[in-house]
Amino acid sequence: MEAVKKQLEGRIDYEGQRLSEQVAYFSLVVSGVIAFFVSFLASSIKFGLIVFAAGYVITLLAVVPPWPVYRKHPIAWLPVRRLKAD
């Protein structure tokens, strides 16, 4: 149970945040361009919206869960230092 809890915890590192932002931006732009051409060729906004919605859902599945690819560079925190009492 602890392994499942650790996988679903939701922590990603700073490099993972940057990567997820780039993946989201690229995939939404590509799905928007594809949706535009599909709606233009089919002469229907409905098909374009369906294609874009599918791209949006795929983007959510790729970016929102804390996949291990987003946790490859953990942050090394400094150890706790105790102050001497004067």
Protein backbone atom coordinates (compact mmCIF):
# COMPACT_ATOMS: atom_id res chain seq x y z
CA MET A 1 0.00 0.00 0.00
CA GLU A 2 2.89 2.38 0.73
CA ALA A 3 4.24 1.93 -2.81
CA VAL A 4 0.90 2.99 -4.29
CA LYS A 5 0.68 5.93 -1.90
CA LYS A 6 4.19 7.05 -2.85
CA GLN A 7 3.34 6.88 -6.58
CA LEU A 8 0.19 8.98 -6.11
CA GLU A 9 1.77 11.54 -3.77
CA GLY A 10 2.03 14.21 -6.44
CA ARG A 11 5.50 15.64 -5.92
CA ILE A 12 7.57 16.49 -8.95
CA ASP A 13 10.86 18.35 -9.12
CA TYR A 14 11.61 21.66 -10.81
CA GLU A 15 12.95 20.03 -13.97
CA GLY A 16 9.81 17.89 -14.08
CA GLN A 17 7.66 21.01 -13.82
CA ARG A 18 9.53 22.57 -16.72
CA LEU A 19 9.19 19.39 -18.79
CA SER A 20 5.46 19.04 -18.04
CA GLU A 21 4.89 22.67 -19.04
CA GLN A 22 6.70 22.12 -22.35
CA VAL A 23 4.77 18.91 -23.03
CA ALA A 24 1.46 20.64 -22.29
CA TYR A 25 2.27 23.64 -24.47
CA PHE A 26 3.48 21.55 -27.41
CA SER A 27 0.62 19.05 -27.29
CA LEU A 28 -2.07 21.74 -27.02
CA VAL A 29 -0.60 23.66 -29.96
CA VAL A 30 -0.40 20.50 -32.06
CA SER A 31 -3.94 19.44 -31.16
CA GLY A 32 -5.20 22.95 -31.99
CA VAL A 33 -3.53 22.91 -35.40
CA ILE A 34 -4.85 19.42 -36.14
CA ALA A 35 -8.34 20.44 -34.97
CA PHE A 36 -8.24 23.49 -37.24
CA PHE A 37 -7.37 21.43 -40.30
CA VAL A 38 -9.92 18.74 -39.47
CA SER A 39 -12.69 21.31 -39.05
CA PHE A 40 -11.59 23.09 -42.23
CA LEU A 41 -11.51 19.90 -44.31
CA ALA A 42 -14.76 18.56 -42.86
CA SER A 43 -16.43 22.00 -42.94
CA SER A 44 -17.68 21.36 -39.44
CA ILE A 45 -16.72 23.08 -36.22
CA LYS A 46 -18.11 20.10 -34.32
CA PHE A 47 -15.38 17.76 -35.59
CA GLY A 48 -12.71 20.33 -34.80
CA LEU A 49 -13.98 20.69 -31.24
CA ILE A 50 -14.06 16.92 -30.81
CA VAL A 51 -10.47 16.60 -32.04
CA PHE A 52 -9.31 19.42 -29.76
CA ALA A 53 -11.17 17.94 -26.78
CA ALA A 54 -9.49 14.59 -27.41
CA GLY A 55 -6.11 16.31 -27.57
CA TYR A 56 -6.88 18.15 -24.35
CA VAL A 57 -7.79 14.92 -22.53
CA ILE A 58 -4.62 13.23 -23.79
CA THR A 59 -2.61 16.23 -22.60
CA LEU A 60 -4.22 16.03 -19.16
CA LEU A 61 -3.37 12.34 -18.92
CA ALA A 62 0.23 13.04 -19.92
CA VAL A 63 0.83 16.04 -17.65
CA VAL A 64 -1.36 15.94 -14.54
CA PRO A 65 -0.38 12.61 -12.89
CA PRO A 66 3.03 12.66 -11.20
CA TRP A 67 4.71 10.28 -13.64
CA PRO A 68 8.23 9.08 -12.69
CA VAL A 69 9.68 10.95 -15.67
CA TYR A 70 8.83 14.18 -13.81
CA ARG A 71 10.73 13.06 -10.67
CA LYS A 72 14.18 12.27 -12.05
CA HIS A 73 16.00 15.20 -10.41
CA PRO A 74 15.15 15.23 -6.69
CA ILE A 75 16.00 18.28 -4.64
CA ALA A 76 18.91 17.80 -2.23
CA TRP A 77 17.99 19.80 0.85
CA LEU A 78 20.61 20.92 3.34
CA PRO A 79 20.63 19.14 6.70
CA VAL A 80 19.05 20.87 9.68
CA ARG A 81 21.52 22.87 11.75
CA ARG A 82 20.98 23.42 15.44
CA LEU A 83 21.84 26.84 16.83
CA LYS A 84 23.91 26.95 19.99
CA ALA A 85 22.16 28.49 22.98
CA ASP A 86 24.18 31.36 24.45
